[in-house]
């Protein structure tokens, strides 16, 4: 660090020394030359002009000429920097000014290039954001259109009395209702995702016994799991484990993990929920057995709108928007924790590590 500071100070000194040295050298050369020429026959030609004026003009002419010659490279480099700034200002963010000087001007050139790089990155992020918005609209339109089309179809059948008996009439109504529930789930997921990623979220933190909360969640989840031939097992100490959480959002995160395990578990099978204390942190994991995925698919699981291959999906479950794991990850991050996945040969473990009460 001291060496870097010393180098920086030297750079700041160098151009000042060069300019000052050029000034002194120009002064000396001008003085010597004008003194020598002062005794020449030049004054015989302009004898009518006072000697002191001629000496001064001669001195200034030589001084300016020598000073210009000595500082020409500095001025030329400053012009290069000015032209480079104008080129960047016109929108050519790929342009970089040459770093030929190791002084203040070199530092200015470095800062200009850094500014251009930062502007380029900002423009790239803006373009990515714009593409992301278009992608969001495309995915949302597609995911909302599917159940909406089904609802319209069933309602048209009912409107035109296009059914054979009361049983078929009830089936149409039941199917249309299920599609409305699917549509509501998609809209809720989208609303939660946009709210969580916008940064405009205020957590209502309460110090809660996570163990007791998890018992309640598991109790409500067990009947759903049994309908899909899955057994839910909770492992961990029964002692209270307190942590500051927003109950509503944290429950949503755990529900998303459990529903993910429900959709992609091999049937019949088991879902294991573990709760342990590691230091001052609460560690909650959801384990299930499913069809193996590739390392590339693992990296995409927490991405928004990423959906598993149809072969891995439980066809008895309605398709989602691919936002569940992404929402869970954002909720955990808002609590200062982290959500990670461990996968090996179809064994999936999603782990939440959450700061506890100090």
Protein backbone atom coordinates (compact mmCIF):
# COMPACT_ATOMS: atom_id res chain seq x y z
CA UNK A 1 0.00 0.00 0.00
CA UNK A 2 2.85 2.41 0.90
CA UNK A 3 4.61 1.56 -2.35
CA UNK A 4 1.45 2.32 -4.34
CA UNK A 5 1.07 5.64 -2.52
CA UNK A 6 4.73 6.50 -3.23
CA UNK A 7 4.25 5.69 -6.91
CA UNK A 8 1.12 7.84 -7.05
CA UNK A 9 2.94 10.78 -5.45
CA UNK A 10 5.80 10.41 -7.94
CA UNK A 11 3.32 10.45 -10.80
CA UNK A 12 1.71 13.61 -9.46
CA UNK A 13 5.12 15.27 -9.16
CA UNK A 14 6.51 14.26 -12.53
CA UNK A 15 4.45 16.49 -14.80
CA UNK A 16 4.91 19.47 -12.51
CA UNK A 17 8.67 18.90 -12.51
CA UNK A 18 8.67 18.57 -16.30
CA UNK A 19 6.76 21.82 -16.78
CA UNK A 20 8.83 23.66 -14.19
CA UNK A 21 12.04 22.25 -15.70
CA UNK A 22 10.90 23.29 -19.18
CA UNK A 23 10.20 26.78 -17.85
CA UNK A 24 13.63 27.13 -16.19
CA UNK A 25 15.49 25.65 -19.16
CA UNK A 26 13.63 27.91 -21.57
CA UNK A 27 14.42 30.89 -19.39
CA UNK A 28 18.15 30.02 -19.26
CA UNK A 29 18.41 29.34 -23.00
CA UNK A 30 16.54 32.54 -23.83
CA UNK A 31 18.71 34.56 -21.45
CA UNK A 32 21.98 33.13 -22.78
CA UNK A 33 21.05 33.44 -26.46
CA UNK A 34 19.60 36.95 -26.08
CA UNK A 35 22.71 38.04 -24.16
CA UNK A 36 25.02 36.71 -26.87
CA UNK A 37 22.97 38.25 -29.66
CA UNK A 38 22.77 41.53 -27.75
CA UNK A 39 26.43 42.17 -28.68
CA UNK A 40 26.08 41.30 -32.31
CA UNK A 41 25.54 43.58 -35.23
CA UNK A 42 21.79 43.23 -34.99
CA UNK A 43 21.59 46.47 -33.08
CA UNK A 44 23.41 48.28 -35.83
CA UNK A 45 20.47 47.50 -38.09
CA UNK A 46 17.86 48.77 -35.66
CA UNK A 47 19.81 51.43 -33.86
CA UNK A 48 16.84 53.65 -33.66
CA UNK A 49 15.01 51.17 -31.38
CA UNK A 50 15.93 51.30 -27.67
CA UNK A 51 18.25 48.43 -26.73
CA UNK A 52 16.16 47.31 -23.72
CA UNK A 53 13.05 46.77 -25.85
CA UNK A 54 14.89 44.74 -28.41
CA UNK A 55 16.53 42.65 -25.70
CA UNK A 56 13.16 41.96 -24.08
CA UNK A 57 11.44 41.01 -27.33
CA UNK A 58 14.35 38.78 -28.29
CA UNK A 59 14.32 37.12 -24.88
CA UNK A 60 10.54 36.49 -24.96
CA UNK A 61 10.64 35.10 -28.50
CA UNK A 62 13.39 32.61 -27.69
CA UNK A 63 11.76 31.71 -24.35
CA UNK A 64 8.36 30.98 -25.91
CA UNK A 65 9.88 29.02 -28.77
CA UNK A 66 11.97 26.82 -26.48
CA UNK A 67 9.15 26.39 -23.95
CA UNK A 68 6.76 25.34 -26.73
CA UNK A 69 9.23 22.80 -28.08
CA UNK A 70 9.80 21.30 -24.63
CA UNK A 71 6.10 21.08 -23.69
CA UNK A 72 4.84 20.07 -27.14
CA UNK A 73 4.39 16.38 -26.16
CA UNK A 74 2.36 17.33 -23.07
CA UNK A 75 0.09 19.62 -25.09
CA UNK A 76 -0.30 16.99 -27.80
CA UNK A 77 -1.24 14.36 -25.22
CA UNK A 78 -3.78 16.73 -23.64
CA UNK A 79 -5.30 17.18 -27.09
CA UNK A 80 -5.45 13.38 -27.45
CA UNK A 81 -7.31 13.14 -24.14
CA UNK A 82 -9.73 15.88 -25.21
CA UNK A 83 -10.41 14.11 -28.51
CA UNK A 84 -10.86 10.81 -26.67
CA UNK A 85 -13.41 12.37 -24.32
CA UNK A 86 -15.32 13.79 -27.28
CA UNK A 87 -15.30 10.38 -29.00
CA UNK A 88 -16.69 8.70 -25.86
CA UNK A 89 -19.23 11.50 -25.40
CA UNK A 90 -20.53 10.82 -28.90
CA UNK A 91 -21.38 7.25 -27.89
CA UNK A 92 -18.33 5.19 -28.85
CA UNK A 93 -17.94 3.45 -25.50
CA UNK A 94 -15.52 0.90 -26.97
CA UNK A 95 -12.91 3.62 -27.50
CA UNK A 96 -10.00 3.83 -25.03
CA UNK A 97 -7.45 6.65 -24.83
CA UNK A 98 -3.77 5.59 -24.99
CA UNK A 99 -1.94 5.27 -21.66
CA UNK A 100 1.42 6.61 -22.80
CA UNK A 101 2.26 8.87 -19.87
CA UNK A 102 3.07 7.83 -16.30
CA UNK A 103 2.02 11.10 -14.65
CA UNK A 104 -1.12 13.04 -13.81
CA UNK A 105 -2.19 12.97 -17.45
CA UNK A 106 -1.69 9.20 -17.46
CA UNK A 107 -3.90 9.01 -14.36
CA UNK A 108 -6.50 11.17 -16.14
CA UNK A 109 -6.34 8.83 -19.15
CA UNK A 110 -6.79 5.84 -16.85
CA UNK A 111 -9.84 7.50 -15.25
CA UNK A 112 -11.30 8.30 -18.66
CA UNK A 113 -10.96 4.66 -19.70
CA UNK A 114 -12.46 3.55 -16.37
CA UNK A 115 -15.38 5.94 -16.89
CA UNK A 116 -15.95 4.56 -20.40
CA UNK A 117 -15.85 1.00 -19.06
CA UNK A 118 -18.35 1.82 -16.31
CA UNK A 119 -20.66 3.55 -18.78
CA UNK A 120 -20.37 0.53 -21.06
CA UNK A 121 -21.29 -1.79 -18.19
CA UNK A 122 -24.23 0.42 -17.25
CA UNK A 123 -25.49 0.41 -20.82
CA UNK A 124 -25.09 -3.37 -20.92
CA UNK A 125 -27.06 -3.72 -17.69
CA UNK A 126 -29.75 -1.42 -19.08
CA UNK A 127 -30.04 -3.57 -22.19
CA UNK A 128 -30.15 -6.73 -20.07
CA UNK A 129 -32.84 -5.15 -17.89
CA UNK A 130 -34.86 -4.25 -20.96
CA UNK A 131 -34.50 -7.78 -22.33
CA UNK A 132 -35.42 -9.12 -18.91
CA UNK A 133 -38.61 -7.04 -18.91
CA UNK A 134 -39.53 -8.31 -22.35
CA UNK A 135 -38.80 -11.87 -21.24
CA UNK A 136 -40.95 -11.31 -18.14
CA UNK A 137 -43.87 -10.08 -20.25
CA UNK A 138 -43.48 -13.01 -22.66
CA UNK A 139 -43.42 -15.65 -19.92
CA UNK A 140 -46.28 -14.06 -17.99
CA UNK A 141 -48.41 -13.77 -21.11
CA UNK A 142 -47.81 -17.43 -21.95
CA UNK A 143 -48.41 -18.72 -18.42
CA UNK A 144 -51.58 -16.69 -17.93
CA UNK A 145 -52.99 -17.45 -21.36
CA UNK A 146 -53.02 -21.24 -20.87
CA UNK A 147 -55.45 -21.45 -17.92
CA UNK A 148 -57.41 -18.45 -19.19
CA UNK A 149 -58.00 -20.19 -22.53
CA UNK A 150 -59.29 -23.27 -20.68
CA UNK A 151 -61.61 -21.17 -18.50
CA UNK A 152 -63.05 -19.42 -21.57
CA UNK A 153 -63.53 -22.79 -23.28
CA UNK A 154 -65.43 -24.32 -20.35
CA UNK A 155 -67.56 -21.18 -19.88
CA UNK A 156 -68.48 -21.21 -23.56
CA UNK A 157 -69.59 -24.83 -23.26
CA UNK A 158 -71.73 -23.94 -20.24
CA UNK A 159 -73.06 -20.78 -21.89
CA UNK A 160 -74.20 -22.73 -24.96
CA UNK A 161 -75.58 -25.61 -22.84
CA UNK A 162 -73.18 -27.90 -24.66
CA UNK A 163 -73.22 -30.79 -22.15
CA UNK A 164 -75.09 -34.08 -22.04
CA UNK A 165 -76.12 -34.36 -18.42
CA UNK A 166 -75.80 -32.81 -14.99
CA UNK A 167 -72.66 -34.84 -14.24
CA UNK A 168 -70.86 -33.36 -17.24
CA UNK A 169 -72.16 -29.91 -16.26
CA UNK A 170 -70.59 -30.29 -12.80
CA UNK A 171 -67.34 -31.55 -14.33
CA UNK A 172 -67.09 -28.46 -16.54
CA UNK A 173 -67.70 -26.19 -13.55
CA UNK A 174 -65.15 -28.12 -11.47
CA UNK A 175 -62.50 -27.91 -14.21
CA UNK A 176 -63.14 -24.20 -14.76
CA UNK A 177 -62.84 -23.57 -11.01
CA UNK A 178 -59.53 -25.46 -10.87
CA UNK A 179 -58.20 -23.34 -13.73
CA UNK A 180 -59.21 -20.16 -11.90
CA UNK A 181 -57.26 -21.38 -8.85
CA UNK A 182 -54.26 -22.06 -11.07
CA UNK A 183 -54.61 -18.60 -12.58
CA UNK A 184 -54.79 -17.03 -9.12
CA UNK A 185 -51.65 -18.93 -8.06
CA UNK A 186 -49.76 -17.67 -11.11
CA UNK A 187 -50.83 -14.06 -10.45
CA UNK A 188 -49.94 -14.32 -6.76
CA UNK A 189 -46.50 -15.73 -7.60
CA UNK A 190 -45.88 -12.98 -10.12
CA UNK A 191 -46.99 -10.28 -7.69
CA UNK A 192 -44.78 -11.67 -4.91
CA UNK A 193 -41.78 -12.02 -7.21
CA UNK A 194 -41.99 -8.45 -8.56
CA UNK A 195 -42.46 -7.07 -5.04
CA UNK A 196 -39.53 -9.04 -3.61
CA UNK A 197 -37.14 -8.16 -6.43
CA UNK A 198 -38.08 -4.47 -6.51
CA UNK A 199 -36.41 -3.89 -3.13
CA UNK A 200 -39.56 -2.21 -1.83
CA UNK A 201 -40.25 -4.79 0.86
CA UNK A 202 -40.52 -4.16 4.58
CA UNK A 203 -40.19 -7.19 6.82
CA UNK A 204 -42.38 -7.41 9.90
CA UNK A 205 -39.89 -9.26 12.08
CA UNK A 206 -40.94 -11.18 15.18
CA UNK A 207 -38.89 -13.47 17.38
CA UNK A 208 -40.57 -16.82 16.71
CA UNK A 209 -39.91 -20.40 17.75
CA UNK A 210 -39.14 -21.93 14.34
CA UNK A 211 -39.57 -25.43 15.73
CA UNK A 212 -43.17 -24.78 16.74
CA UNK A 213 -43.88 -22.99 13.46
CA UNK A 214 -42.43 -25.89 11.46
CA UNK A 215 -44.58 -28.40 13.38
CA UNK A 216 -47.67 -26.46 12.35
CA UNK A 217 -46.58 -26.27 8.70
CA UNK A 218 -45.83 -30.01 8.57
CA UNK A 219 -49.19 -30.87 10.15
CA UNK A 220 -51.01 -28.89 7.44
CA UNK A 221 -48.84 -30.33 4.68
CA UNK A 222 -49.11 -34.04 5.62
CA UNK A 223 -52.64 -34.64 4.20
CA UNK A 224 -51.60 -33.18 0.83
CA UNK A 225 -48.47 -35.33 0.78
CA UNK A 226 -50.46 -38.48 1.62
CA UNK A 227 -52.76 -37.84 -1.35
CA UNK A 228 -49.65 -38.12 -3.55
CA UNK A 229 -48.29 -41.25 -1.82
CA UNK A 230 -45.61 -39.36 0.07
CA UNK A 231 -44.61 -39.68 3.72
CA UNK A 232 -43.42 -36.61 5.60
CA UNK A 233 -40.84 -37.06 8.37
CA UNK A 234 -39.61 -34.27 10.63
CA UNK A 235 -36.23 -34.79 12.31
CA UNK A 236 -34.66 -32.56 14.96
CA UNK A 237 -34.67 -31.58 18.60
CA UNK A 238 -37.97 -30.53 20.07
CA UNK A 239 -36.40 -27.70 22.05
CA UNK A 240 -37.39 -24.14 21.05
CA UNK A 241 -35.23 -22.50 18.39
CA UNK A 242 -35.86 -18.77 18.15
CA UNK A 243 -35.09 -16.49 15.23
CA UNK A 244 -36.33 -13.06 14.05
CA UNK A 245 -38.54 -13.70 11.00
CA UNK A 246 -41.44 -12.30 9.05
CA UNK A 247 -43.85 -15.18 9.69
CA UNK A 248 -46.01 -14.75 6.58
CA UNK A 249 -43.06 -14.53 4.17
CA UNK A 250 -41.03 -17.25 5.86
CA UNK A 251 -43.97 -19.64 5.78
CA UNK A 252 -44.30 -18.86 2.06
CA UNK A 253 -40.65 -19.81 1.51
CA UNK A 254 -41.04 -23.15 3.33
CA UNK A 255 -44.33 -23.88 1.52
CA UNK A 256 -42.58 -23.33 -1.81
CA UNK A 257 -39.83 -25.78 -0.88
CA UNK A 258 -42.37 -28.38 0.25
CA UNK A 259 -44.49 -27.98 -2.88
CA UNK A 260 -41.35 -28.29 -5.00
CA UNK A 261 -40.53 -31.56 -3.22
CA UNK A 262 -44.14 -32.69 -3.69
CA UNK A 263 -44.06 -32.06 -7.44
CA UNK A 264 -40.71 -33.66 -8.18
CA UNK A 265 -40.52 -36.59 -5.74
CA UNK A 266 -40.65 -40.17 -6.88
CA UNK A 267 -44.01 -41.71 -5.88
CA UNK A 268 -44.32 -43.42 -3.49
CA UNK A 269 -41.54 -41.76 -1.54
CA UNK A 270 -40.46 -39.71 1.45
CA UNK A 271 -39.95 -36.04 2.21
CA UNK A 272 -37.64 -35.43 5.16
CA UNK A 273 -37.56 -32.11 7.00
CA UNK A 274 -34.63 -31.43 9.33
CA UNK A 275 -34.18 -28.56 11.78
CA UNK A 276 -30.89 -28.15 13.61
CA UNK A 277 -28.96 -25.41 15.35
CA UNK A 278 -25.48 -24.60 14.02
CA UNK A 279 -23.73 -22.09 16.26
CA UNK A 280 -26.17 -19.21 16.44
CA UNK A 281 -27.90 -20.11 13.16
CA UNK A 282 -31.01 -22.14 12.49
CA UNK A 283 -30.54 -24.68 9.69
CA UNK A 284 -33.65 -26.08 8.01
CA UNK A 285 -33.45 -28.62 5.18
CA UNK A 286 -36.02 -30.31 2.94
CA UNK A 287 -34.90 -33.62 1.38
CA UNK A 288 -36.56 -35.73 -1.30
CA UNK A 289 -35.74 -38.32 -3.96
CA UNK A 290 -36.44 -37.46 -7.58
CA UNK A 291 -35.10 -37.95 -11.07
CA UNK A 292 -31.47 -36.76 -11.42
CA UNK A 293 -30.70 -33.46 -13.14
CA UNK A 294 -27.57 -32.10 -14.78
CA UNK A 295 -25.21 -29.54 -13.22
CA UNK A 296 -26.46 -26.97 -15.77
CA UNK A 297 -30.04 -27.55 -14.60
CA UNK A 298 -28.94 -27.18 -10.96
CA UNK A 299 -27.63 -23.68 -11.71
CA UNK A 300 -30.97 -22.72 -13.26
CA UNK A 301 -33.28 -24.00 -10.51
CA UNK A 302 -33.33 -20.67 -8.64
CA UNK A 303 -33.75 -18.66 -11.83
CA UNK A 304 -37.15 -17.13 -12.45
CA UNK A 305 -39.46 -18.89 -14.89
CA UNK A 306 -37.19 -21.94 -15.06
CA UNK A 307 -39.33 -25.04 -15.23
CA UNK A 308 -38.24 -28.62 -14.91
CA UNK A 309 -38.56 -31.03 -17.79
CA UNK A 310 -42.08 -32.49 -18.13
CA UNK A 311 -40.67 -35.96 -17.42
CA UNK A 312 -39.73 -34.87 -13.90
CA UNK A 313 -43.06 -33.21 -13.15
CA UNK A 314 -45.96 -34.79 -11.31
CA UNK A 315 -48.71 -34.60 -13.91
CA UNK A 316 -51.36 -34.65 -11.16
CA UNK A 317 -50.08 -31.26 -9.99
CA UNK A 318 -50.97 -28.09 -11.94
CA UNK A 319 -47.96 -26.48 -13.67
CA UNK A 320 -46.55 -23.36 -12.05
CA UNK A 321 -44.82 -20.28 -13.40
CA UNK A 322 -41.36 -21.42 -12.33
CA UNK A 323 -41.13 -18.75 -9.63
CA UNK A 324 -41.43 -20.85 -6.44
CA UNK A 325 -37.75 -21.45 -5.71
CA UNK A 326 -36.78 -17.96 -6.84
CA UNK A 327 -39.34 -16.45 -4.44
CA UNK A 328 -38.10 -18.67 -1.60
CA UNK A 329 -34.49 -17.63 -2.28
CA UNK A 330 -35.36 -13.92 -2.23
CA UNK A 331 -37.31 -14.28 1.02
CA UNK A 332 -34.42 -16.06 2.73
CA UNK A 333 -31.95 -13.40 1.51
CA UNK A 334 -34.20 -10.65 2.89
CA UNK A 335 -33.88 -12.36 6.29
CA UNK A 336 -30.08 -12.27 6.03
CA UNK A 337 -29.87 -16.01 5.34
CA UNK A 338 -29.11 -18.21 2.37
CA UNK A 339 -30.82 -21.00 0.46
CA UNK A 340 -28.65 -23.68 -1.16
CA UNK A 341 -29.15 -26.94 -3.03
CA UNK A 342 -27.20 -30.17 -2.74
CA UNK A 343 -27.92 -32.80 -5.37
CA UNK A 344 -26.42 -36.23 -5.93
CA UNK A 345 -27.93 -39.00 -8.07
CA UNK A 346 -31.50 -37.75 -7.64
CA UNK A 347 -31.18 -36.96 -3.92
CA UNK A 348 -32.17 -33.32 -3.43
CA UNK A 349 -31.53 -31.30 -0.27
CA UNK A 350 -32.63 -27.66 -0.10
CA UNK A 351 -31.09 -25.99 2.96
CA UNK A 352 -32.03 -22.71 4.59
CA UNK A 353 -29.49 -21.20 6.98
CA UNK A 354 -30.99 -18.38 9.00
CA UNK A 355 -29.44 -16.11 11.66
CA UNK A 356 -30.83 -16.87 15.10
CA UNK A 357 -31.28 -14.70 18.18
CA UNK A 358 -27.98 -13.54 19.65
